[in-house]
N, C-alpha and C. Protein backbone atom coordinates (compact mmCIF):
# COMPACT_ATOMS: atom_id res chain seq x y z
N UNK A 1 -19.01 8.50 41.50
CA UNK A 1 -20.05 7.91 42.41
C UNK A 1 -19.02 7.16 43.05
N UNK A 2 -18.77 6.89 44.58
CA UNK A 2 -18.44 5.35 45.20
C UNK A 2 -18.98 4.71 45.37
N UNK A 3 -18.42 3.36 45.29
CA UNK A 3 -18.97 1.96 45.74
C UNK A 3 -20.21 2.24 46.80
N UNK A 4 -19.63 3.18 47.99
CA UNK A 4 -20.21 3.21 49.07
C UNK A 4 -22.03 4.08 48.99
N UNK A 5 -21.95 5.49 47.64
CA UNK A 5 -22.61 5.94 47.12
C UNK A 5 -23.83 5.01 46.91
N UNK A 6 -23.31 4.37 45.75
CA UNK A 6 -23.57 3.37 44.80
C UNK A 6 -24.65 2.85 45.81
N UNK A 7 -24.38 2.44 46.75
CA UNK A 7 -24.99 1.19 47.67
C UNK A 7 -25.93 1.81 48.38
N UNK A 8 -25.95 3.20 48.62
CA UNK A 8 -26.65 3.78 49.60
C UNK A 8 -27.88 4.16 48.26
N UNK A 9 -27.52 4.43 47.42
CA UNK A 9 -28.49 5.22 46.47
C UNK A 9 -29.22 3.75 46.39
N UNK A 10 -29.06 2.42 45.41
CA UNK A 10 -29.23 1.34 45.06
C UNK A 10 -29.64 0.31 46.00
N UNK A 11 -28.91 0.48 47.09
CA UNK A 11 -28.77 -0.99 47.97
C UNK A 11 -28.52 -2.24 47.03
N UNK A 12 -28.55 -3.27 46.94
CA UNK A 12 -28.16 -4.50 46.29
C UNK A 12 -28.51 -4.60 44.58
N UNK A 13 -27.95 -4.82 43.84
CA UNK A 13 -27.99 -4.77 42.58
C UNK A 13 -27.72 -5.97 41.85
N UNK A 14 -28.76 -6.72 41.02
CA UNK A 14 -28.45 -7.50 40.61
C UNK A 14 -29.02 -8.02 38.99
N UNK A 15 -28.14 -8.47 38.45
CA UNK A 15 -28.37 -8.27 36.71
C UNK A 15 -29.60 -9.01 36.46
N UNK A 16 -30.26 -7.91 35.49
CA UNK A 16 -31.22 -8.47 34.85
C UNK A 16 -31.49 -9.16 33.29
N UNK A 17 -29.95 -8.72 32.95
CA UNK A 17 -30.17 -8.98 31.14
C UNK A 17 -29.98 -7.89 30.81
N UNK A 18 -29.10 -7.92 29.37
CA UNK A 18 -28.50 -7.29 28.38
C UNK A 18 -28.98 -6.60 27.30
N UNK A 19 -28.83 -5.57 26.69
CA UNK A 19 -28.89 -4.94 25.18
C UNK A 19 -27.99 -4.54 24.74
N UNK A 20 -28.02 -4.68 23.48
CA UNK A 20 -27.10 -4.08 22.46
C UNK A 20 -27.57 -2.41 22.16
N UNK A 21 -26.11 -1.82 22.33
CA UNK A 21 -26.13 -0.02 22.33
C UNK A 21 -25.66 -0.52 20.84
N UNK A 22 -26.21 0.04 19.53
CA UNK A 22 -25.43 0.07 18.02
C UNK A 22 -25.15 1.58 18.08
N UNK A 23 -24.55 1.81 17.04
CA UNK A 23 -23.50 2.91 16.18
C UNK A 23 -24.63 3.53 15.06
N UNK A 24 -24.76 5.27 15.31
CA UNK A 24 -25.83 5.71 14.19
C UNK A 24 -24.89 6.16 13.67
N UNK A 25 -25.35 5.71 12.12
CA UNK A 25 -24.60 6.79 11.95
C UNK A 25 -25.23 8.04 11.35
N UNK A 26 -24.22 8.97 11.59
CA UNK A 26 -24.83 10.42 11.71
C UNK A 26 -24.82 11.43 10.48
N UNK A 27 -24.38 10.36 9.01
CA UNK A 27 -25.06 11.01 7.53
C UNK A 27 -26.47 10.70 7.49
N UNK A 28 -26.47 9.47 7.64
CA UNK A 28 -27.68 8.65 7.35
C UNK A 28 -28.96 9.02 8.06
N UNK A 29 -28.52 8.59 9.50
CA UNK A 29 -29.05 8.83 10.32
C UNK A 29 -29.78 7.69 10.63
N UNK A 30 -29.21 6.76 10.24
CA UNK A 30 -30.08 5.13 10.74
C UNK A 30 -28.64 4.78 11.36
N UNK A 31 -29.36 3.39 12.21
CA UNK A 31 -28.77 2.67 13.29
C UNK A 31 -28.15 1.67 12.23
N UNK A 32 -26.59 1.15 12.95
CA UNK A 32 -25.82 0.57 11.70
C UNK A 32 -26.06 -0.97 12.57
N UNK A 33 -25.06 -1.94 11.82
CA UNK A 33 -25.11 -3.20 13.18
C UNK A 33 -23.88 -3.13 13.94
N UNK A 34 -23.44 -2.24 13.67
CA UNK A 34 -21.71 -1.66 14.70
C UNK A 34 -22.62 -2.16 16.19
N UNK A 35 -22.03 -3.08 17.08
CA UNK A 35 -22.60 -2.29 18.58
C UNK A 35 -21.03 -1.30 19.10
N UNK A 36 -21.85 -0.93 19.68
CA UNK A 36 -20.39 0.18 20.67
C UNK A 36 -20.55 -0.13 22.04
N UNK A 37 -21.37 -0.57 22.54
CA UNK A 37 -21.34 -0.31 23.94
C UNK A 37 -22.53 -1.24 24.10
N UNK A 38 -22.81 -1.94 25.67
CA UNK A 38 -23.85 -2.76 26.27
C UNK A 38 -24.80 -1.80 27.21
N UNK A 39 -25.72 -2.62 27.07
CA UNK A 39 -27.02 -1.87 28.12
C UNK A 39 -27.66 -2.98 29.63
N UNK A 40 -26.45 -2.80 30.22
CA UNK A 40 -27.20 -3.73 31.11
C UNK A 40 -28.21 -3.24 32.40
N UNK A 41 -28.97 -4.52 32.27
CA UNK A 41 -30.42 -4.31 33.56
C UNK A 41 -30.49 -4.76 34.43
N UNK A 42 -29.98 -4.30 35.74
CA UNK A 42 -29.99 -3.94 37.52
C UNK A 42 -30.94 -4.33 37.82
N UNK A 43 -31.39 -4.78 38.25
CA UNK A 43 -32.88 -4.63 39.54
C UNK A 43 -32.48 -4.43 40.93
N UNK A 44 -32.99 -3.53 41.48
CA UNK A 44 -32.81 -2.89 42.65
C UNK A 44 -33.88 -3.21 43.85
N UNK A 45 -33.70 -3.42 44.65
CA UNK A 45 -34.58 -3.83 45.82
C UNK A 45 -34.69 -2.51 46.46
N UNK A 46 -34.09 -1.71 46.75
CA UNK A 46 -33.99 -0.40 47.28
C UNK A 46 -35.25 0.62 46.64
N UNK A 47 -34.57 0.52 45.35
CA UNK A 47 -36.09 2.07 44.46
C UNK A 47 -37.11 0.70 43.91
N UNK A 48 -36.51 -0.99 43.95
CA UNK A 48 -38.04 -1.30 43.62
C UNK A 48 -38.30 -1.41 41.98
N UNK A 49 -37.39 -1.37 41.14
CA UNK A 49 -37.67 -1.09 39.42
C UNK A 49 -36.08 -1.38 39.27
N UNK A 50 -35.46 -1.15 38.01
CA UNK A 50 -33.87 -1.74 37.46
C UNK A 50 -33.53 -0.40 37.29
N UNK A 51 -32.38 -0.49 36.76
CA UNK A 51 -31.64 0.28 36.68
C UNK A 51 -30.90 0.11 35.37
N UNK A 52 -30.69 0.99 34.36
CA UNK A 52 -30.28 0.77 33.48
C UNK A 52 -28.69 1.44 33.16
N UNK A 53 -27.55 0.72 33.30
CA UNK A 53 -26.43 1.29 32.89
C UNK A 53 -25.53 0.93 31.51
N UNK A 54 -24.87 1.87 31.23
CA UNK A 54 -24.18 1.47 29.95
C UNK A 54 -22.75 1.23 30.02
N UNK A 55 -22.51 -0.11 29.70
CA UNK A 55 -21.13 -0.52 29.72
C UNK A 55 -20.57 -0.42 28.36
N UNK A 56 -19.19 0.30 28.57
CA UNK A 56 -18.36 0.90 27.27
C UNK A 56 -17.82 -1.07 27.25
N UNK A 57 -18.41 -1.59 26.41
CA UNK A 57 -17.83 -2.74 26.11
C UNK A 57 -18.66 -3.49 24.95
N UNK A 58 -17.93 -4.22 24.27
CA UNK A 58 -18.77 -5.03 23.41
C UNK A 58 -19.26 -6.23 22.98
N UNK A 59 -19.02 -7.29 24.13
CA UNK A 59 -18.79 -8.28 24.74
C UNK A 59 -19.28 -8.35 26.48
N UNK A 60 -20.78 -9.21 26.41
CA UNK A 60 -20.75 -9.60 27.78
C UNK A 60 -19.83 -10.07 28.33
N UNK A 61 -19.27 -9.48 29.94
CA UNK A 61 -18.56 -10.47 30.68
C UNK A 61 -20.06 -11.49 31.33
N UNK A 62 -18.88 -12.64 31.43
CA UNK A 62 -19.75 -13.87 32.22
C UNK A 62 -20.64 -13.75 33.93
N UNK A 63 -21.44 -13.11 33.52
CA UNK A 63 -22.81 -13.22 34.66
C UNK A 63 -23.52 -13.87 34.60
N UNK A 64 -24.32 -14.56 35.55
CA UNK A 64 -24.93 -15.45 35.78
C UNK A 64 -26.68 -14.41 36.11
N UNK A 65 -27.47 -15.25 35.51
CA UNK A 65 -29.08 -14.46 35.76
C UNK A 65 -29.33 -14.24 36.97
N UNK A 66 -29.28 -12.94 37.76
CA UNK A 66 -29.88 -13.05 39.16
C UNK A 66 -28.84 -12.80 39.65
N UNK A 67 -27.35 -12.71 39.54
CA UNK A 67 -26.43 -12.62 40.08
C UNK A 67 -25.99 -10.92 40.85
N UNK A 68 -25.39 -11.04 42.02
CA UNK A 68 -25.24 -9.79 42.77
C UNK A 68 -24.26 -9.32 42.06
N UNK A 69 -24.12 -7.96 41.39
CA UNK A 69 -23.03 -7.26 40.82
C UNK A 69 -22.90 -5.89 41.59
N UNK A 70 -21.55 -5.59 41.30
CA UNK A 70 -20.83 -4.53 42.09
C UNK A 70 -20.41 -3.47 41.32
N UNK A 71 -20.75 -2.50 40.94
CA UNK A 71 -20.11 -1.40 39.85
C UNK A 71 -18.39 -0.34 40.74
N UNK A 72 -17.62 -0.61 39.70
CA UNK A 72 -16.44 -0.30 39.99
C UNK A 72 -16.16 1.49 39.58
N UNK A 73 -16.17 2.14 39.65
CA UNK A 73 -15.83 3.46 39.23
C UNK A 73 -16.50 4.27 38.29
N UNK A 74 -18.21 3.59 38.88
CA UNK A 74 -19.18 4.26 38.17
C UNK A 74 -19.10 5.92 37.89
N UNK A 75 -19.46 6.20 36.39
CA UNK A 75 -19.68 7.44 36.29
C UNK A 75 -21.20 7.76 35.86
N UNK A 76 -21.44 9.01 36.55
CA UNK A 76 -22.68 9.44 36.18
C UNK A 76 -23.13 10.52 35.16
N UNK A 77 -23.49 10.10 34.04
CA UNK A 77 -24.12 11.02 32.75
C UNK A 77 -25.14 11.50 32.76
């Protein structure tokens, strides 16, 4: 998706919070303590709800609560 497509689909996005995504052990089928990514919760005024975005990082970038955010090179999966 391009920045324009994101803006058209969601309007202004604001940072609402984040959760860790933990790696699962395929053999034991249990969650490990290893963080493999972050799930960011972004508020969208256009759709009137939040959108969850998976960020392939293990540490949260410095983002102030309710700050306007832009997605660079997002991939729809």
